[in-house]
């Protein structure tokens, strides 16, 4: 049961990382070495997952502004498909 709780917390942390990534995309950030490095790490960890959904759901152009709806699908898949599947398998295995 410890492993399933740990995996659940890791998925929570990843969800927060996705949320921070999305919010940071709306805010112009000043260029500072430490901040740039933190954003790069966040991008390196979240972009591969988000790109899976961007291939399926391209950016919508609404009034000249591009809106990326793929994070909504990414959150849905993570919370309602991946999390229950992995946690269910771990619980059934008694881990």
N, C-alpha and C. Protein backbone atom coordinates (compact mmCIF):
# COMPACT_ATOMS: atom_id res chain seq x y z
N UNK A 1 0.81 -1.19 0.00
CA UNK A 1 0.00 0.00 0.00
C UNK A 1 0.86 1.27 0.00
N UNK A 2 2.07 1.17 0.55
CA UNK A 2 2.96 2.32 0.58
C UNK A 2 3.31 2.77 -0.83
N UNK A 3 3.59 1.82 -1.70
CA UNK A 3 3.98 2.16 -3.08
C UNK A 3 2.82 2.83 -3.80
N UNK A 4 1.60 2.33 -3.62
CA UNK A 4 0.45 2.95 -4.31
C UNK A 4 0.24 4.38 -3.81
N UNK A 5 0.43 4.63 -2.51
CA UNK A 5 0.32 5.99 -1.97
C UNK A 5 1.43 6.88 -2.53
N UNK A 6 2.62 6.33 -2.64
CA UNK A 6 3.74 7.09 -3.19
C UNK A 6 3.48 7.46 -4.65
N UNK A 7 3.03 6.51 -5.43
CA UNK A 7 2.73 6.76 -6.85
C UNK A 7 1.62 7.80 -6.97
N UNK A 8 0.62 7.72 -6.11
CA UNK A 8 -0.46 8.70 -6.11
C UNK A 8 0.08 10.10 -5.83
N UNK A 9 1.00 10.23 -4.88
CA UNK A 9 1.61 11.53 -4.57
C UNK A 9 2.46 12.03 -5.74
N UNK A 10 3.17 11.13 -6.40
CA UNK A 10 3.98 11.52 -7.56
C UNK A 10 3.08 12.05 -8.68
N UNK A 11 1.95 11.41 -8.89
CA UNK A 11 1.01 11.90 -9.90
C UNK A 11 0.45 13.26 -9.49
N UNK A 12 0.20 13.46 -8.20
CA UNK A 12 -0.24 14.78 -7.71
C UNK A 12 0.82 15.84 -8.01
N UNK A 13 2.06 15.54 -7.71
CA UNK A 13 3.15 16.48 -7.95
C UNK A 13 3.25 16.80 -9.43
N UNK A 14 3.13 15.79 -10.28
CA UNK A 14 3.20 16.02 -11.72
C UNK A 14 2.03 16.88 -12.19
N UNK A 15 0.86 16.68 -11.60
CA UNK A 15 -0.30 17.52 -11.94
C UNK A 15 -0.03 18.97 -11.58
N UNK A 16 0.57 19.19 -10.42
CA UNK A 16 0.93 20.56 -10.02
C UNK A 16 1.96 21.16 -10.97
N UNK A 17 2.89 20.34 -11.41
CA UNK A 17 3.89 20.82 -12.37
C UNK A 17 3.22 21.25 -13.67
N UNK A 18 2.26 20.46 -14.13
CA UNK A 18 1.51 20.83 -15.34
C UNK A 18 0.78 22.15 -15.13
N UNK A 19 0.15 22.30 -13.99
CA UNK A 19 -0.59 23.53 -13.70
C UNK A 19 0.35 24.74 -13.67
N UNK A 20 1.49 24.59 -13.02
CA UNK A 20 2.46 25.68 -12.97
C UNK A 20 2.95 26.02 -14.37
N UNK A 21 3.22 25.01 -15.17
CA UNK A 21 3.67 25.21 -16.55
C UNK A 21 2.64 26.02 -17.33
N UNK A 22 1.37 25.68 -17.18
CA UNK A 22 0.31 26.37 -17.89
C UNK A 22 0.21 27.82 -17.42
N UNK A 23 0.23 28.03 -16.12
CA UNK A 23 0.12 29.39 -15.59
C UNK A 23 1.31 30.24 -16.00
N UNK A 24 2.50 29.66 -16.01
CA UNK A 24 3.69 30.41 -16.43
C UNK A 24 3.65 30.80 -17.90
N UNK A 25 2.92 30.04 -18.70
CA UNK A 25 2.83 30.37 -20.12
C UNK A 25 2.01 31.64 -20.35
N UNK A 26 1.24 32.05 -19.36
CA UNK A 26 0.42 33.27 -19.47
C UNK A 26 1.14 34.50 -18.96
N UNK A 27 2.27 34.31 -18.26
CA UNK A 27 2.95 35.41 -17.59
C UNK A 27 4.32 35.64 -18.23
N UNK A 28 4.59 36.87 -18.66
CA UNK A 28 5.94 37.15 -19.15
C UNK A 28 6.92 37.20 -17.97
N UNK A 29 7.93 36.38 -18.03
CA UNK A 29 8.90 36.29 -16.94
C UNK A 29 10.17 37.04 -17.29
N UNK A 30 10.77 37.70 -16.30
CA UNK A 30 12.07 38.34 -16.56
C UNK A 30 13.14 37.27 -16.75
N UNK A 31 14.13 37.59 -17.52
CA UNK A 31 15.22 36.64 -17.76
C UNK A 31 16.22 36.71 -16.62
N UNK A 32 16.22 35.64 -15.81
CA UNK A 32 17.17 35.51 -14.71
C UNK A 32 17.69 34.08 -14.76
N UNK A 33 18.99 33.88 -14.57
CA UNK A 33 19.57 32.53 -14.73
C UNK A 33 18.87 31.44 -13.93
N UNK A 34 18.60 31.68 -12.67
CA UNK A 34 17.98 30.65 -11.83
C UNK A 34 16.54 30.37 -12.28
N UNK A 35 15.80 31.42 -12.57
CA UNK A 35 14.42 31.27 -13.04
C UNK A 35 14.39 30.58 -14.40
N UNK A 36 15.29 30.96 -15.30
CA UNK A 36 15.35 30.32 -16.62
C UNK A 36 15.65 28.83 -16.49
N UNK A 37 16.53 28.48 -15.57
CA UNK A 37 16.88 27.08 -15.37
C UNK A 37 15.69 26.30 -14.79
N UNK A 38 14.97 26.90 -13.85
CA UNK A 38 13.80 26.24 -13.27
C UNK A 38 12.71 26.02 -14.32
N UNK A 39 12.49 27.02 -15.16
CA UNK A 39 11.48 26.89 -16.23
C UNK A 39 11.92 25.83 -17.23
N UNK A 40 13.20 25.75 -17.53
CA UNK A 40 13.69 24.73 -18.46
C UNK A 40 13.47 23.33 -17.90
N UNK A 41 13.74 23.13 -16.61
CA UNK A 41 13.50 21.83 -15.98
C UNK A 41 12.02 21.49 -16.04
N UNK A 42 11.18 22.46 -15.74
CA UNK A 42 9.73 22.25 -15.81
C UNK A 42 9.31 21.89 -17.23
N UNK A 43 9.84 22.60 -18.22
CA UNK A 43 9.53 22.29 -19.62
C UNK A 43 10.00 20.89 -20.00
N UNK A 44 11.20 20.53 -19.58
CA UNK A 44 11.74 19.21 -19.91
C UNK A 44 10.89 18.09 -19.32
N UNK A 45 10.28 18.33 -18.17
CA UNK A 45 9.47 17.30 -17.52
C UNK A 45 8.03 17.25 -18.02
N UNK A 46 7.50 18.37 -18.48
CA UNK A 46 6.08 18.39 -18.85
C UNK A 46 5.82 18.37 -20.36
N UNK A 47 6.71 18.92 -21.15
CA UNK A 47 6.46 19.01 -22.59
C UNK A 47 6.27 17.66 -23.29
N UNK A 48 7.05 16.63 -22.97
CA UNK A 48 6.81 15.35 -23.67
C UNK A 48 5.37 14.84 -23.47
N UNK A 49 4.85 14.96 -22.26
CA UNK A 49 3.48 14.52 -21.99
C UNK A 49 2.46 15.41 -22.71
N UNK A 50 2.65 16.73 -22.62
CA UNK A 50 1.71 17.64 -23.28
C UNK A 50 1.76 17.50 -24.80
N UNK A 51 2.94 17.24 -25.35
CA UNK A 51 3.06 17.09 -26.81
C UNK A 51 2.27 15.89 -27.34
N UNK A 52 2.09 14.87 -26.52
CA UNK A 52 1.25 13.74 -26.94
C UNK A 52 -0.15 14.22 -27.30
N UNK A 53 -0.67 15.15 -26.53
CA UNK A 53 -2.02 15.64 -26.74
C UNK A 53 -2.07 16.77 -27.76
N UNK A 54 -0.99 17.50 -27.92
CA UNK A 54 -0.94 18.55 -28.94
C UNK A 54 -0.97 17.96 -30.34
N UNK A 55 -0.45 16.75 -30.49
CA UNK A 55 -0.52 16.08 -31.80
C UNK A 55 -1.96 15.73 -32.16
N UNK A 56 -2.74 15.40 -31.14
CA UNK A 56 -4.14 15.01 -31.35
C UNK A 56 -5.04 16.24 -31.48
N UNK A 57 -4.80 17.23 -30.64
CA UNK A 57 -5.65 18.42 -30.57
C UNK A 57 -4.80 19.66 -30.83
N UNK A 58 -4.79 20.13 -32.08
CA UNK A 58 -3.95 21.29 -32.38
C UNK A 58 -4.50 22.56 -31.71
N UNK A 59 -3.65 23.58 -31.67
CA UNK A 59 -4.02 24.87 -31.08
C UNK A 59 -5.17 25.49 -31.87
N UNK A 60 -6.17 25.99 -31.15
CA UNK A 60 -7.32 26.64 -31.78
C UNK A 60 -7.03 28.12 -31.93
N UNK A 61 -7.33 28.66 -33.09
CA UNK A 61 -7.16 30.10 -33.33
C UNK A 61 -8.50 30.78 -33.15
N UNK A 62 -8.60 31.56 -32.09
CA UNK A 62 -9.83 32.27 -31.79
C UNK A 62 -9.55 33.77 -31.79
N UNK A 63 -10.03 34.44 -32.81
CA UNK A 63 -9.81 35.89 -32.88
C UNK A 63 -8.36 36.27 -33.00
N UNK A 64 -7.57 35.45 -33.64
CA UNK A 64 -6.16 35.74 -33.81
C UNK A 64 -5.28 35.26 -32.67
N UNK A 65 -5.90 34.81 -31.59
CA UNK A 65 -5.13 34.31 -30.46
C UNK A 65 -5.15 32.79 -30.47
N UNK A 66 -4.00 32.18 -30.32
CA UNK A 66 -3.92 30.73 -30.28
C UNK A 66 -4.19 30.23 -28.87
N UNK A 67 -5.14 29.32 -28.74
CA UNK A 67 -5.47 28.76 -27.44
C UNK A 67 -5.20 27.26 -27.50
N UNK A 68 -4.41 26.80 -26.55
CA UNK A 68 -4.01 25.40 -26.48
C UNK A 68 -4.91 24.67 -25.48
N UNK A 69 -5.80 23.83 -26.00
CA UNK A 69 -6.72 23.08 -25.15
C UNK A 69 -6.15 21.72 -24.73
N UNK A 70 -4.97 21.38 -25.22
CA UNK A 70 -4.40 20.07 -24.91
C UNK A 70 -4.14 19.85 -23.42
N UNK A 71 -3.79 20.87 -22.62
CA UNK A 71 -3.61 20.60 -21.19
C UNK A 71 -4.89 20.11 -20.50
N UNK A 72 -6.05 20.53 -20.97
CA UNK A 72 -7.30 20.05 -20.39
C UNK A 72 -7.43 18.55 -20.59
N UNK A 73 -7.14 18.10 -21.80
CA UNK A 73 -7.19 16.67 -22.10
C UNK A 73 -6.11 15.94 -21.32
N UNK A 74 -4.92 16.54 -21.21
CA UNK A 74 -3.81 15.92 -20.48
C UNK A 74 -4.18 15.71 -19.01
N UNK A 75 -4.80 16.72 -18.39
CA UNK A 75 -5.24 16.58 -16.99
C UNK A 75 -6.30 15.49 -16.87
N UNK A 76 -7.26 15.47 -17.78
CA UNK A 76 -8.32 14.47 -17.75
C UNK A 76 -7.73 13.06 -17.83
N UNK A 77 -6.84 12.84 -18.78
CA UNK A 77 -6.23 11.52 -18.97
C UNK A 77 -5.41 11.13 -17.74
N UNK A 78 -4.65 12.07 -17.20
CA UNK A 78 -3.83 11.77 -16.03
C UNK A 78 -4.69 11.42 -14.82
N UNK A 79 -5.71 12.21 -14.56
CA UNK A 79 -6.51 12.01 -13.34
C UNK A 79 -7.58 10.93 -13.46
N UNK A 80 -8.14 10.72 -14.65
CA UNK A 80 -9.26 9.80 -14.78
C UNK A 80 -8.94 8.50 -15.51
N UNK A 81 -7.76 8.41 -16.11
CA UNK A 81 -7.38 7.17 -16.78
C UNK A 81 -6.09 6.59 -16.21
N UNK A 82 -5.02 7.38 -16.24
CA UNK A 82 -3.72 6.87 -15.82
C UNK A 82 -3.68 6.59 -14.32
N UNK A 83 -4.10 7.56 -13.51
CA UNK A 83 -4.05 7.38 -12.05
C UNK A 83 -4.86 6.16 -11.60
N UNK A 84 -6.15 6.06 -11.96
CA UNK A 84 -6.91 4.88 -11.50
C UNK A 84 -6.33 3.56 -12.00
N UNK A 85 -5.83 3.56 -13.23
CA UNK A 85 -5.27 2.33 -13.80
C UNK A 85 -4.04 1.89 -13.01
N UNK A 86 -3.09 2.80 -12.81
CA UNK A 86 -1.86 2.44 -12.11
C UNK A 86 -2.13 2.10 -10.65
N UNK A 87 -2.91 2.93 -9.97
CA UNK A 87 -3.20 2.69 -8.56
C UNK A 87 -3.99 1.39 -8.40
N UNK A 88 -4.94 1.13 -9.29
CA UNK A 88 -5.70 -0.12 -9.24
C UNK A 88 -4.81 -1.34 -9.40
N UNK A 89 -3.88 -1.28 -10.34
CA UNK A 89 -2.95 -2.40 -10.54
C UNK A 89 -2.09 -2.61 -9.30
N UNK A 90 -1.59 -1.51 -8.74
CA UNK A 90 -0.75 -1.63 -7.54
C UNK A 90 -1.52 -2.17 -6.35
N UNK A 91 -2.74 -1.74 -6.17
CA UNK A 91 -3.56 -2.21 -5.05
C UNK A 91 -3.89 -3.69 -5.22
N UNK A 92 -4.24 -4.09 -6.44
CA UNK A 92 -4.52 -5.50 -6.70
C UNK A 92 -3.30 -6.38 -6.46
N UNK A 93 -2.13 -5.83 -6.77
CA UNK A 93 -0.89 -6.58 -6.55
C UNK A 93 -0.49 -6.55 -5.07
N UNK A 94 -1.17 -5.74 -4.28
CA UNK A 94 -0.88 -5.67 -2.85
C UNK A 94 0.35 -4.85 -2.54
N UNK A 95 0.68 -3.95 -3.45
CA UNK A 95 1.90 -3.13 -3.26
C UNK A 95 1.51 -1.80 -2.67
